[in-house]
Amino acid sequence: LTSTGELFTSDVAYYGDIFLPKKGKFPEVLKTLSKLISLCENQNELELYPSHRNYPCDITLLTDLYKGIKNWQLILVQEQ
């Protein structure tokens, strides 16, 4: 988070294909996304920039990605 209210997600969140980490890394990625979501919710004037993009987006990118990975995690647990 910069002093001017810009939050850059790095490679944790971006538009396009979702490249999932190994199953064991899901909790770490979900924790990181959760922290980013909290930052967005707690900052009034925040511009969120996904990885490799020049234009800001809204928190929906993070929440949709979180839900998608969580869903995969649940599917993988059910298969075991």
N, C-alpha and C. Protein backbone atom coordinates (compact mmCIF):
# COMPACT_ATOMS: atom_id res chain seq x y z
N LEU A 1 0.86 -1.17 0.00
CA LEU A 1 0.00 0.00 0.00
C LEU A 1 0.90 1.23 0.00
N THR A 2 0.73 2.07 -1.00
CA THR A 2 1.57 3.26 -1.08
C THR A 2 0.96 4.40 -0.27
N SER A 3 1.74 5.45 -0.09
CA SER A 3 1.26 6.62 0.66
C SER A 3 0.17 7.37 -0.10
N THR A 4 0.01 7.09 -1.39
CA THR A 4 -1.03 7.74 -2.18
C THR A 4 -2.28 6.87 -2.34
N GLY A 5 -2.36 5.77 -1.57
CA GLY A 5 -3.56 4.95 -1.58
C GLY A 5 -3.65 3.94 -2.70
N GLU A 6 -2.52 3.55 -3.26
CA GLU A 6 -2.51 2.54 -4.31
C GLU A 6 -2.06 1.21 -3.72
N LEU A 7 -2.78 0.15 -4.05
CA LEU A 7 -2.43 -1.18 -3.58
C LEU A 7 -2.14 -2.05 -4.80
N PHE A 8 -0.92 -2.57 -4.88
CA PHE A 8 -0.51 -3.43 -5.99
C PHE A 8 -0.49 -4.87 -5.49
N THR A 9 -1.19 -5.75 -6.18
CA THR A 9 -1.39 -7.12 -5.70
C THR A 9 -0.24 -8.07 -6.00
N SER A 10 0.69 -7.68 -6.83
CA SER A 10 1.74 -8.56 -7.35
C SER A 10 1.07 -9.74 -8.05
N ASP A 11 1.69 -10.89 -8.06
CA ASP A 11 1.15 -12.02 -8.82
C ASP A 11 0.06 -12.80 -8.09
N VAL A 12 -0.34 -12.35 -6.92
CA VAL A 12 -1.39 -13.05 -6.18
C VAL A 12 -2.74 -12.88 -6.88
N ALA A 13 -2.98 -11.72 -7.47
CA ALA A 13 -4.26 -11.47 -8.12
C ALA A 13 -4.06 -10.73 -9.43
N TYR A 14 -4.68 -11.26 -10.47
CA TYR A 14 -4.62 -10.63 -11.78
C TYR A 14 -5.80 -11.13 -12.59
N TYR A 15 -6.10 -10.42 -13.68
CA TYR A 15 -7.18 -10.84 -14.58
C TYR A 15 -6.65 -11.89 -15.53
N GLY A 16 -7.51 -12.82 -15.91
CA GLY A 16 -7.12 -13.86 -16.86
C GLY A 16 -7.18 -15.23 -16.22
N ASP A 17 -6.40 -16.13 -16.77
CA ASP A 17 -6.38 -17.49 -16.26
C ASP A 17 -5.92 -17.52 -14.81
N ILE A 18 -6.47 -18.46 -14.06
CA ILE A 18 -6.05 -18.65 -12.67
C ILE A 18 -5.08 -19.82 -12.64
N PHE A 19 -3.88 -19.56 -12.18
CA PHE A 19 -2.88 -20.60 -12.04
C PHE A 19 -2.79 -20.95 -10.56
N LEU A 20 -3.32 -22.10 -10.22
CA LEU A 20 -3.37 -22.50 -8.82
C LEU A 20 -2.03 -23.05 -8.37
N PRO A 21 -1.68 -22.76 -7.13
CA PRO A 21 -0.45 -23.35 -6.58
C PRO A 21 -0.71 -24.81 -6.21
N LYS A 22 0.31 -25.48 -5.73
CA LYS A 22 0.11 -26.84 -5.22
C LYS A 22 -0.90 -26.79 -4.08
N LYS A 23 -1.61 -27.88 -3.89
CA LYS A 23 -2.67 -27.94 -2.87
C LYS A 23 -2.20 -27.46 -1.51
N GLY A 24 -0.99 -27.78 -1.15
CA GLY A 24 -0.46 -27.41 0.15
C GLY A 24 -0.28 -25.91 0.33
N LYS A 25 -0.26 -25.17 -0.77
CA LYS A 25 -0.07 -23.71 -0.72
C LYS A 25 -1.40 -22.95 -0.70
N PHE A 26 -2.52 -23.65 -0.88
CA PHE A 26 -3.82 -22.98 -0.88
C PHE A 26 -4.03 -22.11 0.36
N PRO A 27 -3.78 -22.64 1.57
CA PRO A 27 -4.00 -21.81 2.76
C PRO A 27 -3.16 -20.52 2.76
N GLU A 28 -1.95 -20.60 2.27
CA GLU A 28 -1.08 -19.42 2.22
C GLU A 28 -1.63 -18.37 1.25
N VAL A 29 -2.09 -18.82 0.09
CA VAL A 29 -2.65 -17.90 -0.90
C VAL A 29 -3.95 -17.30 -0.38
N LEU A 30 -4.79 -18.12 0.24
CA LEU A 30 -6.05 -17.61 0.80
C LEU A 30 -5.79 -16.59 1.90
N LYS A 31 -4.78 -16.83 2.71
CA LYS A 31 -4.42 -15.88 3.77
C LYS A 31 -3.97 -14.55 3.17
N THR A 32 -3.17 -14.61 2.13
CA THR A 32 -2.70 -13.39 1.47
C THR A 32 -3.86 -12.63 0.85
N LEU A 33 -4.75 -13.34 0.16
CA LEU A 33 -5.92 -12.69 -0.42
C LEU A 33 -6.80 -12.07 0.66
N SER A 34 -6.94 -12.77 1.77
CA SER A 34 -7.73 -12.25 2.89
C SER A 34 -7.15 -10.94 3.42
N LYS A 35 -5.83 -10.88 3.52
CA LYS A 35 -5.17 -9.64 3.96
C LYS A 35 -5.40 -8.51 2.98
N LEU A 36 -5.32 -8.81 1.68
CA LEU A 36 -5.56 -7.79 0.66
C LEU A 36 -7.01 -7.30 0.72
N ILE A 37 -7.95 -8.22 0.91
CA ILE A 37 -9.36 -7.85 1.03
C ILE A 37 -9.57 -6.95 2.24
N SER A 38 -8.96 -7.29 3.36
CA SER A 38 -9.08 -6.47 4.57
C SER A 38 -8.52 -5.07 4.35
N LEU A 39 -7.39 -4.98 3.68
CA LEU A 39 -6.82 -3.66 3.37
C LEU A 39 -7.79 -2.84 2.54
N CYS A 40 -8.39 -3.46 1.55
CA CYS A 40 -9.35 -2.76 0.70
C CYS A 40 -10.56 -2.29 1.50
N GLU A 41 -11.05 -3.14 2.38
CA GLU A 41 -12.23 -2.80 3.17
C GLU A 41 -11.96 -1.70 4.19
N ASN A 42 -10.72 -1.60 4.65
CA ASN A 42 -10.38 -0.64 5.70
C ASN A 42 -9.83 0.69 5.19
N GLN A 43 -9.64 0.81 3.89
CA GLN A 43 -9.13 2.05 3.31
C GLN A 43 -10.23 2.74 2.52
N ASN A 44 -10.48 4.00 2.83
CA ASN A 44 -11.54 4.73 2.13
C ASN A 44 -11.18 5.04 0.68
N GLU A 45 -10.04 5.60 0.48
CA GLU A 45 -9.61 6.05 -0.85
C GLU A 45 -8.50 5.15 -1.37
N LEU A 46 -8.85 3.96 -1.78
CA LEU A 46 -7.84 3.00 -2.22
C LEU A 46 -8.05 2.66 -3.69
N GLU A 47 -6.95 2.60 -4.44
CA GLU A 47 -6.99 2.14 -5.81
C GLU A 47 -6.25 0.81 -5.87
N LEU A 48 -6.94 -0.23 -6.30
CA LEU A 48 -6.40 -1.58 -6.34
C LEU A 48 -5.91 -1.87 -7.76
N TYR A 49 -4.64 -2.22 -7.87
CA TYR A 49 -4.04 -2.53 -9.17
C TYR A 49 -3.65 -4.00 -9.21
N PRO A 50 -4.33 -4.79 -10.05
CA PRO A 50 -3.93 -6.19 -10.18
C PRO A 50 -2.60 -6.29 -10.92
N SER A 51 -1.97 -7.42 -10.78
CA SER A 51 -0.67 -7.65 -11.39
C SER A 51 -0.69 -7.38 -12.90
N HIS A 52 0.32 -6.70 -13.37
CA HIS A 52 0.54 -6.44 -14.79
C HIS A 52 -0.55 -5.59 -15.44
N ARG A 53 -1.22 -4.76 -14.68
CA ARG A 53 -2.27 -3.87 -15.22
C ARG A 53 -1.96 -2.42 -14.87
N ASN A 54 -2.36 -1.54 -15.76
CA ASN A 54 -2.13 -0.11 -15.55
C ASN A 54 -3.35 0.60 -14.99
N TYR A 55 -4.49 -0.08 -14.95
CA TYR A 55 -5.72 0.55 -14.51
C TYR A 55 -6.25 -0.14 -13.25
N PRO A 56 -6.80 0.64 -12.34
CA PRO A 56 -7.30 0.05 -11.09
C PRO A 56 -8.58 -0.75 -11.32
N CYS A 57 -8.88 -1.63 -10.38
CA CYS A 57 -10.11 -2.41 -10.39
C CYS A 57 -10.73 -2.32 -9.00
N ASP A 58 -11.78 -3.08 -8.77
CA ASP A 58 -12.38 -3.05 -7.44
C ASP A 58 -12.11 -4.36 -6.69
N ILE A 59 -12.61 -4.42 -5.50
CA ILE A 59 -12.35 -5.55 -4.59
C ILE A 59 -12.93 -6.86 -5.12
N THR A 60 -13.85 -6.79 -6.07
CA THR A 60 -14.47 -7.99 -6.63
C THR A 60 -13.44 -8.97 -7.18
N LEU A 61 -12.38 -8.46 -7.77
CA LEU A 61 -11.32 -9.34 -8.27
C LEU A 61 -10.80 -10.23 -7.15
N LEU A 62 -10.53 -9.64 -6.00
CA LEU A 62 -9.98 -10.39 -4.87
C LEU A 62 -11.00 -11.35 -4.28
N THR A 63 -12.22 -10.89 -4.09
CA THR A 63 -13.23 -11.74 -3.46
C THR A 63 -13.61 -12.91 -4.36
N ASP A 64 -13.70 -12.68 -5.67
CA ASP A 64 -14.01 -13.78 -6.59
C ASP A 64 -12.88 -14.80 -6.64
N LEU A 65 -11.66 -14.32 -6.64
CA LEU A 65 -10.51 -15.22 -6.65
C LEU A 65 -10.47 -16.04 -5.36
N TYR A 66 -10.71 -15.39 -4.23
CA TYR A 66 -10.74 -16.08 -2.93
C TYR A 66 -11.79 -17.20 -2.96
N LYS A 67 -13.00 -16.85 -3.40
CA LYS A 67 -14.08 -17.83 -3.44
C LYS A 67 -13.74 -18.99 -4.37
N GLY A 68 -13.13 -18.69 -5.51
CA GLY A 68 -12.77 -19.74 -6.47
C GLY A 68 -11.75 -20.71 -5.91
N ILE A 69 -10.71 -20.19 -5.27
CA ILE A 69 -9.68 -21.06 -4.69
C ILE A 69 -10.25 -21.85 -3.52
N LYS A 70 -11.07 -21.21 -2.71
CA LYS A 70 -11.71 -21.91 -1.59
C LYS A 70 -12.57 -23.06 -2.10
N ASN A 71 -13.28 -22.83 -3.20
CA ASN A 71 -14.12 -23.86 -3.80
C ASN A 71 -13.26 -25.03 -4.28
N TRP A 72 -12.14 -24.75 -4.93
CA TRP A 72 -11.24 -25.81 -5.37
C TRP A 72 -10.71 -26.60 -4.18
N GLN A 73 -10.40 -25.89 -3.12
CA GLN A 73 -9.89 -26.54 -1.91
C GLN A 73 -10.94 -27.53 -1.37
N LEU A 74 -12.19 -27.11 -1.35
CA LEU A 74 -13.26 -27.98 -0.87
C LEU A 74 -13.46 -29.19 -1.78
N ILE A 75 -13.37 -28.98 -3.08
CA ILE A 75 -13.51 -30.08 -4.04
C ILE A 75 -12.39 -31.10 -3.83
N LEU A 76 -11.18 -30.63 -3.67
CA LEU A 76 -10.04 -31.53 -3.48
C LEU A 76 -10.15 -32.33 -2.19
N VAL A 77 -10.67 -31.70 -1.14
CA VAL A 77 -10.85 -32.40 0.13
C VAL A 77 -11.91 -33.49 -0.02
N GLN A 78 -12.97 -33.21 -0.75
CA GLN A 78 -14.04 -34.19 -0.95
C GLN A 78 -13.56 -35.39 -1.75
N GLU A 79 -12.59 -35.19 -2.64
CA GLU A 79 -12.08 -36.28 -3.47
C GLU A 79 -11.19 -37.23 -2.68
N GLN A 80 -10.70 -36.81 -1.54
CA GLN A 80 -9.78 -37.66 -0.78
C GLN A 80 -10.49 -38.74 -0.02
